[in-house]
Each structure stands twice: as structure tokens, then as C-alpha cells.
Amino acid sequence: MAEHNKQDRKQHSNQAGSGLVIAAHGRHYLVQATIEGKSLKLQCVTRGKKSDVAVGDRVQLKLTSPNQGVIEAIDERRSLLYRSDQYKSKLLAANVTQLFIVVATEPGFADDLISRALVAAEAAGVTAHIVLNKTDIVEALEKTRQRLHMYAALGYPVHEVSARAFPEQTCATLAPLLAGQSTILIGQSGMGKSSLINLIVPDADIAVREISAALDTGKHTTTFTRLYEMDMADTSLDGHPANIIDSPGFQEFGLYQLSEGMLERAFVEFSPYLGKCKFYNCHHLIEPSCAVLEAVKENKIAAMRHQLYVQLLHESSQKLY
């Protein structure tokens, strides 16, 4: 029996192929793979301890058993979204073309998280949208719209939906935006991301159970990022089906990895003023004749956004990894 298993492993170890990482949990990955023309879902690991694979990565792999493999290489990425703190970074998703920040009329959402997500999207070259869910809670709607006006004024589209109260209209609003794209949904817990996913991907619950079993995560289905390929018309994305990626709800969005130059360019409202400060190496903090600070004084740049820039600049100087 042992000899048979050894031969079986040897037979599989010669088989190589490519795949799409559809879920990640720790250093374990679920890959939708193609091996010698066959489509398989494989439980994969990387070689060594270092793990820099993200959901959405296209990878090269080798089969080690009928349902397991080793990731040998990551194909070139078109984008990479991640968050980081003082000590480590956490990959969110690779090869996404757009980011949907999901907020709701209730419970309350954090402006800090929205702005950080927008900065991350700009730095990664990813288009950002804001999705306002639960618009059927009308008593909180106008106040929420006012809070989101600042982002709309910066050019970020705000789409109003209600996944539970108006499912058909929600699908009609989001479907054209999702076609031909790789979209990641992020947001705090309670914003309705799961309701939106279940509406857009009817078999999402089944897929989550399959992924949970494959990654051995039990009932903790919200602790990992997962990708769903979408069965819609006009979904081609570089020859692949369009997809939507659901990420766990989180409260913190550290951006310690961004340099000062990346940060100032990631605040879109700074753009008209960059290069117009008195000093060429201006940090836009306390310097005299700073065009950015003057724009803040004149309310052309929101003070709250500039305060976030200052905070992020401070964080980037604290990085220890």
C-alpha cells in the first residue's frame, strides 16, 4: 500500500499546470487549476515558509497528489492590493481592476477606512467605487449621502443599492459595473457585503462551504478572502471570466508600505498643487508657502483628508519590516 502511494505521488509530481488562486487561509491556498486539459480544484502550498501569494494570482504549479499541489511561480501581476501595519503586510488581492468600498446607512461606517481604501486603490492603480447599501433605511439616508458627498466630489462614483429590499434594482445597478472586471469588495462588518455577494453570485453559499472544507476552516467562513468567477454575459477579462472577490470585514487599514511620493500622488485632490510649493522637497506638513497647505486653508482640500495624509506619512516612517 505504501509502495502504491509512493508511485501515485511520483506519477502526479511530473504533472504541471497553471491556475487561479480562489481562496487563501494562512499559507494554504485553493487553486482553480488546469492540468493536462483537466479542470481541478487543488489544495496548494508554497515552497518554503515565505508566502507572497494572493487571491486572484495566476500561478504555475505542480501536482503532488490527485487534489493537492505546490505553487512554483506567480505570473506577472497587473495590480496588488494590500494593507500593512508597523510589523507586517497582508495581501488582499492580486490582479483586481476595481475596488468596491461597501458602506451602509447603518451601522455607522468609518470615514478613515474609506479614505485609506481610496488611497490604497490609487497607489495600486485600481479604480475605486463606493457602494451605499441599505438605502431602504430612509431615516438615515440623507445624512449618509451628505457624508459621502466629499468622495463623490473627488470623482469617486457612489452607487446606491439595497441588497435585501430591492434585489432586482441592485443587480441592475451593479451588473454593468462588474462585467469584464475583477472586483474586490471591502468594508467593515455589518455593511451587507455578504448579502451583495449572495445576490450577485447565487451559488456563493455552496462555494463557501466547499472552500471551507478544502481549507479546513470549519465554520469560520468569514476569515478568509475568496474569489468567485461570475457567470454573466460579457464577462471576459484578458480571456478569463470576470470575477468578484469577497474579503473579511476589517476595522483597520494600515498603509505603512506607501512612501511619501506614493502618498502625495494617491490623494487625487493634491494633484493640482504638487510641484507648486516654494520648496521642491516640501512635505506638505508645516512648510511656508506650501501650495497644498494653502489649498487646505481655502477649503479646496478637505482638512480631514489632509489630516489623514499627515497620519499616513507618520505611519510610513514607523515601518519596522
C-alpha atoms as a PDB file:
ATOM      1  CA  MET A   1       0.000   0.000   0.000  1.00  0.00           C
ATOM      2  CA  ALA A   2       2.815   2.394   0.923  1.00  0.00           C
ATOM      3  CA  GLU A   3       4.588   1.494  -2.313  1.00  0.00           C
ATOM      4  CA  HIS A   4       1.413   2.175  -4.263  1.00  0.00           C
ATOM      5  CA  ASN A   5       1.039   5.634  -2.638  1.00  0.00           C
ATOM      6  CA  LYS A   6       4.680   6.415  -3.400  1.00  0.00           C
ATOM      7  CA  GLN A   7       4.174   5.510  -7.061  1.00  0.00           C
ATOM      8  CA  ASP A   8       0.965   7.564  -7.128  1.00  0.00           C
ATOM      9  CA  ARG A   9       2.791  10.631  -5.777  1.00  0.00           C
ATOM     10  CA  LYS A  10       5.631  10.106  -8.206  1.00  0.00           C
ATOM     11  CA  GLN A  11       3.190   9.918 -11.103  1.00  0.00           C
ATOM     12  CA  HIS A  12       1.477  13.164 -10.071  1.00  0.00           C
ATOM     13  CA  SER A  13       4.713  15.042  -9.315  1.00  0.00           C
ATOM     14  CA  ASN A  14       5.529  15.131 -13.014  1.00  0.00           C
ATOM     15  CA  GLN A  15       2.259  16.842 -13.876  1.00  0.00           C
ATOM     16  CA  ALA A  16       2.408  20.628 -14.126  1.00  0.00           C
ATOM     17  CA  GLY A  17      -0.162  23.255 -14.984  1.00  0.00           C
ATOM     18  CA  SER A  18      -1.489  26.720 -14.232  1.00  0.00           C
ATOM     19  CA  GLY A  19      -4.292  28.026 -12.096  1.00  0.00           C
ATOM     20  CA  LEU A  20      -6.127  30.869 -10.395  1.00  0.00           C
ATOM     21  CA  VAL A  21      -5.914  31.288  -6.615  1.00  0.00           C
ATOM     22  CA  ILE A  22      -9.539  31.439  -5.448  1.00  0.00           C
ATOM     23  CA  ALA A  23      -9.070  31.376  -1.658  1.00  0.00           C
ATOM     24  CA  ALA A  24      -6.338  31.811   0.923  1.00  0.00           C
ATOM     25  CA  HIS A  25      -6.158  30.845   4.579  1.00  0.00           C
ATOM     26  CA  GLY A  26      -2.803  31.233   6.285  1.00  0.00           C
ATOM     27  CA  ARG A  27      -0.277  29.582   3.990  1.00  0.00           C
ATOM     28  CA  HIS A  28      -2.858  27.304   2.405  1.00  0.00           C
ATOM     29  CA  TYR A  29      -4.476  28.122  -0.914  1.00  0.00           C
ATOM     30  CA  LEU A  30      -7.296  26.779  -3.033  1.00  0.00           C
ATOM     31  CA  VAL A  31      -6.457  26.965  -6.736  1.00  0.00           C
ATOM     32  CA  GLN A  32      -8.778  26.501  -9.693  1.00  0.00           C
ATOM     33  CA  ALA A  33      -6.246  24.722 -11.894  1.00  0.00           C
ATOM     34  CA  THR A  34      -5.905  23.276 -15.356  1.00  0.00           C
ATOM     35  CA  ILE A  35      -3.684  20.177 -15.503  1.00  0.00           C
ATOM     36  CA  GLU A  36      -3.246  18.487 -18.880  1.00  0.00           C
ATOM     37  CA  GLY A  37      -6.532  19.920 -20.083  1.00  0.00           C
ATOM     38  CA  LYS A  38      -8.499  18.933 -16.964  1.00  0.00           C
ATOM     39  CA  SER A  39     -10.085  21.486 -14.616  1.00  0.00           C
ATOM     40  CA  LEU A  40      -9.403  20.753 -10.933  1.00  0.00           C
ATOM     41  CA  LYS A  41      -9.686  22.457  -7.554  1.00  0.00           C
ATOM     42  CA  LEU A  42      -6.398  21.891  -5.748  1.00  0.00           C
ATOM     43  CA  GLN A  43      -5.294  22.497  -2.172  1.00  0.00           C
ATOM     44  CA  CYS A  44      -1.896  24.122  -2.571  1.00  0.00           C
ATOM     45  CA  VAL A  45       1.051  25.294  -0.519  1.00  0.00           C
ATOM     46  CA  THR A  46       4.140  27.264  -1.494  1.00  0.00           C
ATOM     47  CA  ARG A  47       7.716  26.066  -1.338  1.00  0.00           C
ATOM     48  CA  GLY A  48       9.429  27.186   1.857  1.00  0.00           C
ATOM     49  CA  LYS A  49       7.930  29.312   4.614  1.00  0.00           C
ATOM     50  CA  LYS A  50       7.588  32.618   2.808  1.00  0.00           C
ATOM     51  CA  SER A  51       4.127  33.189   1.440  1.00  0.00           C
ATOM     52  CA  ASP A  52       3.552  36.028  -1.001  1.00  0.00           C
ATOM     53  CA  VAL A  53       0.630  34.514  -2.907  1.00  0.00           C
ATOM     54  CA  ALA A  54      -2.658  36.432  -3.043  1.00  0.00           C
ATOM     55  CA  VAL A  55      -6.198  35.576  -4.046  1.00  0.00           C
ATOM     56  CA  GLY A  56      -6.512  36.499  -7.714  1.00  0.00           C
ATOM     57  CA  ASP A  57      -2.958  35.446  -8.541  1.00  0.00           C
ATOM     58  CA  ARG A  58      -2.412  33.323 -11.616  1.00  0.00           C
ATOM     59  CA  VAL A  59       0.164  30.718 -10.719  1.00  0.00           C
ATOM     60  CA  GLN A  60       2.246  27.867 -12.110  1.00  0.00           C
ATOM     61  CA  LEU A  61       2.057  24.694 -10.075  1.00  0.00           C
ATOM     62  CA  LYS A  62       2.921  21.025  -9.855  1.00  0.00           C
ATOM     63  CA  LEU A  63       0.568  18.255  -8.781  1.00  0.00           C
ATOM     64  CA  THR A  64       1.659  16.292  -5.691  1.00  0.00           C
ATOM     65  CA  SER A  65      -1.472  14.131  -5.315  1.00  0.00           C
ATOM     66  CA  PRO A  66      -4.875  13.961  -7.056  1.00  0.00           C
ATOM     67  CA  ASN A  67      -6.155  17.031  -5.150  1.00  0.00           C
ATOM     68  CA  GLN A  68      -3.001  18.761  -3.908  1.00  0.00           C
ATOM     69  CA  GLY A  69      -0.225  20.791  -5.459  1.00  0.00           C
ATOM     70  CA  VAL A  70       2.749  23.062  -4.875  1.00  0.00           C
ATOM     71  CA  ILE A  71       2.807  26.612  -6.245  1.00  0.00           C
ATOM     72  CA  GLU A  72       6.080  27.025  -8.134  1.00  0.00           C
ATOM     73  CA  ALA A  73       5.727  30.564  -9.531  1.00  0.00           C
ATOM     74  CA  ILE A  74       3.406  33.564  -9.640  1.00  0.00           C
ATOM     75  CA  ASP A  75       2.593  35.059 -13.044  1.00  0.00           C
ATOM     76  CA  GLU A  76       3.202  38.773 -13.537  1.00  0.00           C
ATOM     77  CA  ARG A  77       0.552  40.834 -11.746  1.00  0.00           C
ATOM     78  CA  ARG A  78      -1.391  43.743 -13.159  1.00  0.00           C
ATOM     79  CA  SER A  79      -2.141  45.051  -9.646  1.00  0.00           C
ATOM     80  CA  LEU A  80      -1.707  44.152  -5.983  1.00  0.00           C
ATOM     81  CA  LEU A  81      -3.759  45.480  -3.092  1.00  0.00           C
ATOM     82  CA  TYR A  82      -2.501  45.036   0.443  1.00  0.00           C
ATOM     83  CA  ARG A  83      -2.604  46.563   3.870  1.00  0.00           C
ATOM     84  CA  SER A  84       0.181  46.710   6.404  1.00  0.00           C
ATOM     85  CA  ASP A  85       0.987  47.712   9.938  1.00  0.00           C
ATOM     86  CA  GLN A  86       4.275  48.509  11.642  1.00  0.00           C
ATOM     87  CA  TYR A  87       5.395  44.880  11.635  1.00  0.00           C
ATOM     88  CA  LYS A  88       3.957  43.017   8.656  1.00  0.00           C
ATOM     89  CA  SER A  89       1.899  43.319   5.488  1.00  0.00           C
ATOM     90  CA  LYS A  90      -1.204  41.356   4.478  1.00  0.00           C
ATOM     91  CA  LEU A  91      -2.042  40.811   0.827  1.00  0.00           C
ATOM     92  CA  LEU A  92      -5.691  41.473  -0.020  1.00  0.00           C
ATOM     93  CA  ALA A  93      -5.900  40.515  -3.698  1.00  0.00           C
ATOM     94  CA  ALA A  94      -3.955  40.493  -6.946  1.00  0.00           C
ATOM     95  CA  ASN A  95      -4.938  41.424 -10.500  1.00  0.00           C
ATOM     96  CA  VAL A  96      -8.049  43.328  -9.453  1.00  0.00           C
ATOM     97  CA  THR A  97      -9.185  46.101 -11.772  1.00  0.00           C
ATOM     98  CA  GLN A  98     -11.583  47.783  -9.375  1.00  0.00           C
ATOM     99  CA  LEU A  99     -12.368  48.153  -5.694  1.00  0.00           C
ATOM    100  CA  PHE A 100     -15.884  48.456  -4.280  1.00  0.00           C
ATOM    101  CA  ILE A 101     -15.959  50.019  -0.817  1.00  0.00           C
ATOM    102  CA  VAL A 102     -19.242  48.904   0.750  1.00  0.00           C
ATOM    103  CA  VAL A 103     -20.830  51.206   3.314  1.00  0.00           C
ATOM    104  CA  ALA A 104     -24.351  51.348   4.711  1.00  0.00           C
ATOM    105  CA  THR A 105     -26.852  53.726   6.226  1.00  0.00           C
ATOM    106  CA  GLU A 106     -26.469  51.687   9.408  1.00  0.00           C
ATOM    107  CA  PRO A 107     -24.462  50.571  11.309  1.00  0.00           C
ATOM    108  CA  GLY A 108     -22.130  53.554  11.167  1.00  0.00           C
ATOM    109  CA  PHE A 109     -19.037  53.411   8.975  1.00  0.00           C
ATOM    110  CA  ALA A 110     -15.616  54.983   9.438  1.00  0.00           C
ATOM    111  CA  ASP A 111     -14.509  57.753   7.072  1.00  0.00           C
ATOM    112  CA  ASP A 112     -10.938  56.846   7.935  1.00  0.00           C
ATOM    113  CA  LEU A 113     -11.385  53.369   6.438  1.00  0.00           C
ATOM    114  CA  ILE A 114     -12.975  54.761   3.259  1.00  0.00           C
ATOM    115  CA  SER A 115     -10.176  57.274   2.722  1.00  0.00           C
ATOM    116  CA  ARG A 116      -7.480  54.681   3.404  1.00  0.00           C
ATOM    117  CA  ALA A 117      -9.085  52.274   0.937  1.00  0.00           C
ATOM    118  CA  LEU A 118      -9.231  55.029  -1.686  1.00  0.00           C
ATOM    119  CA  VAL A 119      -5.548  55.820  -1.128  1.00  0.00           C
ATOM    120  CA  ALA A 120      -4.691  52.103  -1.453  1.00  0.00           C
ATOM    121  CA  ALA A 121      -6.650  51.902  -4.703  1.00  0.00           C
ATOM    122  CA  GLU A 122      -4.920  54.969  -6.166  1.00  0.00           C
ATOM    123  CA  ALA A 123      -1.486  53.654  -5.176  1.00  0.00           C
ATOM    124  CA  ALA A 124      -2.252  50.286  -6.811  1.00  0.00           C
ATOM    125  CA  GLY A 125      -3.718  51.807  -9.975  1.00  0.00           C
ATOM    126  CA  VAL A 126      -7.146  50.330  -9.271  1.00  0.00           C
ATOM    127  CA  THR A 127     -10.451  52.112  -9.998  1.00  0.00           C
ATOM    128  CA  ALA A 128     -12.471  52.777  -6.825  1.00  0.00           C
ATOM    129  CA  HIS A 129     -16.238  52.902  -6.347  1.00  0.00           C
ATOM    130  CA  ILE A 130     -18.331  53.420  -3.226  1.00  0.00           C
ATOM    131  CA  VAL A 131     -21.428  51.253  -2.831  1.00  0.00           C
ATOM    132  CA  LEU A 132     -24.013  52.610  -0.386  1.00  0.00           C
ATOM    133  CA  ASN A 133     -26.132  49.673   0.792  1.00  0.00           C
ATOM    134  CA  LYS A 134     -29.358  49.589   2.848  1.00  0.00           C
ATOM    135  CA  THR A 135     -30.873  52.687   1.202  1.00  0.00           C
ATOM    136  CA  ASP A 136     -34.279  51.413   2.361  1.00  0.00           C
ATOM    137  CA  ILE A 137     -33.406  52.733   5.844  1.00  0.00           C
ATOM    138  CA  VAL A 138     -34.646  56.140   4.757  1.00  0.00           C
ATOM    139  CA  GLU A 139     -34.306  57.965   8.084  1.00  0.00           C
ATOM    140  CA  ALA A 140     -30.515  57.694   7.874  1.00  0.00           C
ATOM    141  CA  LEU A 141     -30.200  58.068   4.105  1.00  0.00           C
ATOM    142  CA  GLU A 142     -29.827  61.830   3.705  1.00  0.00           C
ATOM    143  CA  LYS A 143     -27.226  62.133   6.442  1.00  0.00           C
ATOM    144  CA  THR A 144     -25.247  59.276   4.895  1.00  0.00           C
ATOM    145  CA  ARG A 145     -25.421  60.896   1.449  1.00  0.00           C
ATOM    146  CA  GLN A 146     -24.008  64.099   2.909  1.00  0.00           C
ATOM    147  CA  ARG A 147     -21.083  62.188   4.432  1.00  0.00           C
ATOM    148  CA  LEU A 148     -20.330  60.574   1.078  1.00  0.00           C
ATOM    149  CA  HIS A 149     -20.571  63.816  -0.881  1.00  0.00           C
ATOM    150  CA  MET A 150     -16.906  64.617  -0.174  1.00  0.00           C
ATOM    151  CA  TYR A 151     -15.817  61.435  -2.002  1.00  0.00           C
ATOM    152  CA  ALA A 152     -18.228  61.973  -4.885  1.00  0.00           C
ATOM    153  CA  ALA A 153     -16.805  65.498  -5.278  1.00  0.00           C
ATOM    154  CA  LEU A 154     -13.333  63.950  -5.665  1.00  0.00           C
ATOM    155  CA  GLY A 155     -14.641  61.920  -8.605  1.00  0.00           C
ATOM    156  CA  TYR A 156     -15.347  58.588  -6.900  1.00  0.00           C
ATOM    157  CA  PRO A 157     -18.724  57.203  -8.064  1.00  0.00           C
ATOM    158  CA  VAL A 158     -21.284  56.436  -5.346  1.00  0.00           C
ATOM    159  CA  HIS A 159     -23.851  53.745  -6.206  1.00  0.00           C
ATOM    160  CA  GLU A 160     -26.978  53.463  -4.053  1.00  0.00           C
ATOM    161  CA  VAL A 161     -28.433  49.972  -3.574  1.00  0.00           C
ATOM    162  CA  SER A 162     -30.390  47.825  -1.138  1.00  0.00           C
ATOM    163  CA  ALA A 163     -29.489  44.158  -1.475  1.00  0.00           C
ATOM    164  CA  ARG A 164     -32.354  42.901   0.668  1.00  0.00           C
ATOM    165  CA  ALA A 165     -35.154  45.381  -0.006  1.00  0.00           C
ATOM    166  CA  PHE A 166     -34.555  45.947  -3.730  1.00  0.00           C
ATOM    167  CA  PRO A 167     -32.581  42.958  -5.057  1.00  0.00           C
ATOM    168  CA  GLU A 168     -33.554  43.343  -8.729  1.00  0.00           C
ATOM    169  CA  GLN A 169     -32.625  47.033  -8.853  1.00  0.00           C
ATOM    170  CA  THR A 170     -29.370  46.275  -7.019  1.00  0.00           C
ATOM    171  CA  CYS A 171     -28.425  43.665  -9.631  1.00  0.00           C
ATOM    172  CA  ALA A 172     -29.360  46.060 -12.425  1.00  0.00           C
ATOM    173  CA  THR A 173     -27.129  48.765 -10.888  1.00  0.00           C
ATOM    174  CA  LEU A 174     -24.090  46.582 -10.249  1.00  0.00           C
ATOM    175  CA  ALA A 175     -24.105  44.087 -13.150  1.00  0.00           C
ATOM    176  CA  PRO A 176     -22.859  46.551 -15.813  1.00  0.00           C
ATOM    177  CA  LEU A 177     -20.079  47.706 -13.462  1.00  0.00           C
ATOM    178  CA  LEU A 178     -18.900  44.135 -12.795  1.00  0.00           C
ATOM    179  CA  ALA A 179     -18.874  42.891 -16.391  1.00  0.00           C
ATOM    180  CA  GLY A 180     -15.372  42.407 -17.734  1.00  0.00           C
ATOM    181  CA  GLN A 181     -13.757  43.314 -14.396  1.00  0.00           C
ATOM    182  CA  SER A 182     -12.033  41.717 -11.426  1.00  0.00           C
ATOM    183  CA  THR A 183     -13.653  43.404  -8.446  1.00  0.00           C
ATOM    184  CA  ILE A 184     -12.817  43.211  -4.750  1.00  0.00           C
ATOM    185  CA  LEU A 185     -15.409  44.171  -2.125  1.00  0.00           C
ATOM    186  CA  ILE A 186     -14.114  45.574   1.141  1.00  0.00           C
ATOM    187  CA  GLY A 187     -15.859  47.099   4.100  1.00  0.00           C
ATOM    188  CA  GLN A 188     -16.426  46.886   7.811  1.00  0.00           C
ATOM    189  CA  SER A 189     -18.527  44.072   9.250  1.00  0.00           C
ATOM    190  CA  GLY A 190     -22.261  44.675   9.042  1.00  0.00           C
ATOM    191  CA  MET A 191     -22.284  46.694   5.807  1.00  0.00           C
ATOM    192  CA  GLY A 192     -24.009  43.925   3.842  1.00  0.00           C
ATOM    193  CA  LYS A 193     -21.144  42.591   1.725  1.00  0.00           C
ATOM    194  CA  SER A 194     -22.358  39.016   2.142  1.00  0.00           C
ATOM    195  CA  SER A 195     -25.875  39.970   1.032  1.00  0.00           C
ATOM    196  CA  LEU A 196     -24.468  41.646  -2.062  1.00  0.00           C
ATOM    197  CA  ILE A 197     -22.255  38.650  -2.877  1.00  0.00           C
ATOM    198  CA  ASN A 198     -25.155  36.192  -2.461  1.00  0.00           C
ATOM    199  CA  LEU A 199     -27.246  38.340  -4.775  1.00  0.00           C
ATOM    200  CA  ILE A 200     -24.568  38.623  -7.465  1.00  0.00           C
ATOM    201  CA  VAL A 201     -23.291  35.034  -7.148  1.00  0.00           C
ATOM    202  CA  PRO A 202     -26.321  32.778  -6.499  1.00  0.00           C
ATOM    203  CA  ASP A 203     -24.155  29.739  -5.619  1.00  0.00           C
ATOM    204  CA  ALA A 204     -21.886  31.677  -3.254  1.00  0.00           C
ATOM    205  CA  ASP A 205     -23.036  29.805  -0.130  1.00  0.00           C
ATOM    206  CA  ILE A 206     -22.270  26.459  -1.754  1.00  0.00           C
ATOM    207  CA  ALA A 207     -18.873  27.735  -2.900  1.00  0.00           C
ATOM    208  CA  VAL A 208     -18.030  28.990   0.604  1.00  0.00           C
ATOM    209  CA  ARG A 209     -18.848  25.578   2.110  1.00  0.00           C
ATOM    210  CA  GLU A 210     -16.629  23.873  -0.486  1.00  0.00           C
ATOM    211  CA  ILE A 211     -13.776  26.288   0.161  1.00  0.00           C
ATOM    212  CA  SER A 212     -14.148  25.969   3.944  1.00  0.00           C
ATOM    213  CA  ALA A 213     -13.951  22.184   3.684  1.00  0.00           C
ATOM    214  CA  ALA A 214     -10.946  22.330   1.337  1.00  0.00           C
ATOM    215  CA  LEU A 215      -9.037  24.777   3.532  1.00  0.00           C
ATOM    216  CA  ASP A 216     -10.229  23.101   6.733  1.00  0.00           C
ATOM    217  CA  THR A 217     -11.532  26.349   8.197  1.00  0.00           C
ATOM    218  CA  GLY A 218     -14.705  24.829   9.588  1.00  0.00           C
ATOM    219  CA  LYS A 219     -17.471  27.309  10.246  1.00  0.00           C
ATOM    220  CA  HIS A 220     -15.194  30.358  10.218  1.00  0.00           C
ATOM    221  CA  THR A 221     -16.210  31.201   6.688  1.00  0.00           C
ATOM    222  CA  THR A 222     -15.604  34.927   7.018  1.00  0.00           C
ATOM    223  CA  THR A 223     -11.953  34.662   7.984  1.00  0.00           C
ATOM    224  CA  PHE A 224     -10.558  34.240   4.506  1.00  0.00           C
ATOM    225  CA  THR A 225     -10.643  36.085   1.198  1.00  0.00           C
ATOM    226  CA  ARG A 226     -12.301  34.197  -1.656  1.00  0.00           C
ATOM    227  CA  LEU A 227     -12.872  34.682  -5.360  1.00  0.00           C
ATOM    228  CA  TYR A 228     -15.968  33.766  -7.360  1.00  0.00           C
ATOM    229  CA  GLU A 229     -15.881  33.538 -11.136  1.00  0.00           C
ATOM    230  CA  MET A 230     -19.033  35.144 -12.465  1.00  0.00           C
ATOM    231  CA  ASP A 231     -21.380  33.506 -14.913  1.00  0.00           C
ATOM    232  CA  MET A 232     -22.541  36.643 -16.731  1.00  0.00           C
ATOM    233  CA  ALA A 233     -22.681  37.735 -20.335  1.00  0.00           C
ATOM    234  CA  ASP A 234     -19.767  39.920 -21.483  1.00  0.00           C
ATOM    235  CA  THR A 235     -17.510  38.874 -18.622  1.00  0.00           C
ATOM    236  CA  SER A 236     -14.239  38.390 -20.468  1.00  0.00           C
ATOM    237  CA  LEU A 237     -11.200  39.733 -18.619  1.00  0.00           C
ATOM    238  CA  ASP A 238      -7.999  39.094 -20.548  1.00  0.00           C
ATOM    239  CA  GLY A 239      -9.599  35.923 -21.877  1.00  0.00           C
ATOM    240  CA  HIS A 240     -10.782  34.841 -18.403  1.00  0.00           C
ATOM    241  CA  PRO A 241     -14.238  35.107 -16.797  1.00  0.00           C
ATOM    242  CA  ALA A 242     -14.873  38.239 -14.771  1.00  0.00           C
ATOM    243  CA  ASN A 243     -14.739  37.647 -11.048  1.00  0.00           C
ATOM    244  CA  ILE A 244     -15.673  39.149  -7.733  1.00  0.00           C
ATOM    245  CA  ILE A 245     -13.574  38.828  -4.569  1.00  0.00           C
ATOM    246  CA  ASP A 246     -15.035  38.972  -1.071  1.00  0.00           C
ATOM    247  CA  SER A 247     -12.716  39.944   1.770  1.00  0.00           C
ATOM    248  CA  PRO A 248     -13.259  39.598   5.526  1.00  0.00           C
ATOM    249  CA  GLY A 249     -14.666  42.655   7.265  1.00  0.00           C
ATOM    250  CA  PHE A 250     -11.934  44.642   8.995  1.00  0.00           C
ATOM    251  CA  GLN A 251     -11.711  47.822  11.010  1.00  0.00           C
ATOM    252  CA  GLU A 252      -8.072  48.771  10.373  1.00  0.00           C
ATOM    253  CA  PHE A 253      -6.464  49.552   7.018  1.00  0.00           C
ATOM    254  CA  GLY A 254      -2.780  50.249   7.590  1.00  0.00           C
ATOM    255  CA  LEU A 255      -0.764  51.656   4.689  1.00  0.00           C
ATOM    256  CA  TYR A 256       2.704  51.630   6.216  1.00  0.00           C
ATOM    257  CA  GLN A 257       4.132  50.362   2.915  1.00  0.00           C
ATOM    258  CA  LEU A 258       3.467  53.578   0.977  1.00  0.00           C
ATOM    259  CA  SER A 259       6.346  56.013   0.517  1.00  0.00           C
ATOM    260  CA  GLU A 260       5.924  59.779   0.786  1.00  0.00           C
ATOM    261  CA  GLY A 261       5.919  60.149  -3.002  1.00  0.00           C
ATOM    262  CA  MET A 262       3.293  57.426  -3.385  1.00  0.00           C
ATOM    263  CA  LEU A 263       1.132  59.015  -0.701  1.00  0.00           C
ATOM    264  CA  GLU A 264       1.048  62.536  -2.115  1.00  0.00           C
ATOM    265  CA  ARG A 265       0.092  61.154  -5.539  1.00  0.00           C
ATOM    266  CA  ALA A 266      -2.599  58.881  -4.040  1.00  0.00           C
ATOM    267  CA  PHE A 267      -4.562  61.888  -2.751  1.00  0.00           C
ATOM    268  CA  VAL A 268      -6.204  62.920  -6.019  1.00  0.00           C
ATOM    269  CA  GLU A 269      -7.105  66.407  -4.753  1.00  0.00           C
ATOM    270  CA  PHE A 270      -3.404  67.202  -4.181  1.00  0.00           C
ATOM    271  CA  SER A 271      -2.661  66.819  -7.891  1.00  0.00           C
ATOM    272  CA  PRO A 272      -3.222  70.456  -8.994  1.00  0.00           C
ATOM    273  CA  TYR A 273      -0.863  71.719  -6.281  1.00  0.00           C
ATOM    274  CA  LEU A 274       2.064  69.293  -6.491  1.00  0.00           C
ATOM    275  CA  GLY A 275       5.183  71.000  -7.798  1.00  0.00           C
ATOM    276  CA  LYS A 276       3.871  74.451  -6.891  1.00  0.00           C
ATOM    277  CA  CYS A 277       5.252  74.673  -3.351  1.00  0.00           C
ATOM    278  CA  LYS A 278       8.095  77.084  -2.555  1.00  0.00           C
ATOM    279  CA  PHE A 279      10.437  74.195  -1.673  1.00  0.00           C
ATOM    280  CA  TYR A 280      10.933  71.361  -4.153  1.00  0.00           C
ATOM    281  CA  ASN A 281      11.149  68.788  -1.303  1.00  0.00           C
ATOM    282  CA  CYS A 282       8.076  70.090   0.540  1.00  0.00           C
ATOM    283  CA  HIS A 283       6.395  67.501   2.782  1.00  0.00           C
ATOM    284  CA  HIS A 284       3.093  69.478   2.946  1.00  0.00           C
ATOM    285  CA  LEU A 285       3.190  69.477   6.748  1.00  0.00           C
ATOM    286  CA  ILE A 286       4.260  72.865   8.183  1.00  0.00           C
ATOM    287  CA  GLU A 287       6.421  74.343   5.415  1.00  0.00           C
ATOM    288  CA  PRO A 288       5.940  78.011   4.440  1.00  0.00           C
ATOM    289  CA  SER A 289       4.398  78.763   1.028  1.00  0.00           C
ATOM    290  CA  CYS A 290       3.155  75.186   0.638  1.00  0.00           C
ATOM    291  CA  ALA A 291       0.555  75.067  -2.143  1.00  0.00           C
ATOM    292  CA  VAL A 292      -1.181  72.060  -0.550  1.00  0.00           C
ATOM    293  CA  LEU A 293      -1.493  73.727   2.866  1.00  0.00           C
ATOM    294  CA  GLU A 294      -2.806  76.892   1.243  1.00  0.00           C
ATOM    295  CA  ALA A 295      -5.442  74.813  -0.565  1.00  0.00           C
ATOM    296  CA  VAL A 296      -6.450  73.318   2.798  1.00  0.00           C
ATOM    297  CA  LYS A 297      -6.838  76.826   4.269  1.00  0.00           C
ATOM    298  CA  GLU A 298      -9.020  77.812   1.309  1.00  0.00           C
ATOM    299  CA  ASN A 299     -11.169  74.652   1.737  1.00  0.00           C
ATOM    300  CA  LYS A 300     -10.111  73.390  -1.688  1.00  0.00           C
ATOM    301  CA  ILE A 301      -8.740  70.313   0.096  1.00  0.00           C
ATOM    302  CA  ALA A 302     -10.777  68.869   2.987  1.00  0.00           C
ATOM    303  CA  ALA A 303      -8.955  69.260   6.311  1.00  0.00           C
ATOM    304  CA  MET A 304      -9.942  65.697   7.262  1.00  0.00           C
ATOM    305  CA  ARG A 305      -8.211  64.319   4.169  1.00  0.00           C
ATOM    306  CA  HIS A 306      -5.052  66.334   4.801  1.00  0.00           C
ATOM    307  CA  GLN A 307      -5.012  65.089   8.417  1.00  0.00           C
ATOM    308  CA  LEU A 308      -5.113  61.526   7.085  1.00  0.00           C
ATOM    309  CA  TYR A 309      -2.176  62.308   4.782  1.00  0.00           C
ATOM    310  CA  VAL A 310      -0.195  63.554   7.798  1.00  0.00           C
ATOM    311  CA  GLN A 311      -1.110  60.404   9.743  1.00  0.00           C
ATOM    312  CA  LEU A 312      -0.125  58.106   6.867  1.00  0.00           C
ATOM    313  CA  LEU A 313       3.167  59.952   6.418  1.00  0.00           C
ATOM    314  CA  HIS A 314       3.882  59.389  10.093  1.00  0.00           C
ATOM    315  CA  GLU A 315       2.979  55.690   9.817  1.00  0.00           C
ATOM    316  CA  SER A 316       5.238  55.140   6.813  1.00  0.00           C
ATOM    317  CA  SER A 317       8.188  56.414   8.872  1.00  0.00           C
ATOM    318  CA  GLN A 318       7.482  53.809  11.603  1.00  0.00           C
ATOM    319  CA  LYS A 319       7.826  50.722   9.404  1.00  0.00           C
ATOM    320  CA  LEU A 320       9.963  48.005  11.007  1.00  0.00           C
ATOM    321  CA  TYR A 321       9.839  45.182   8.424  1.00  0.00           C
END
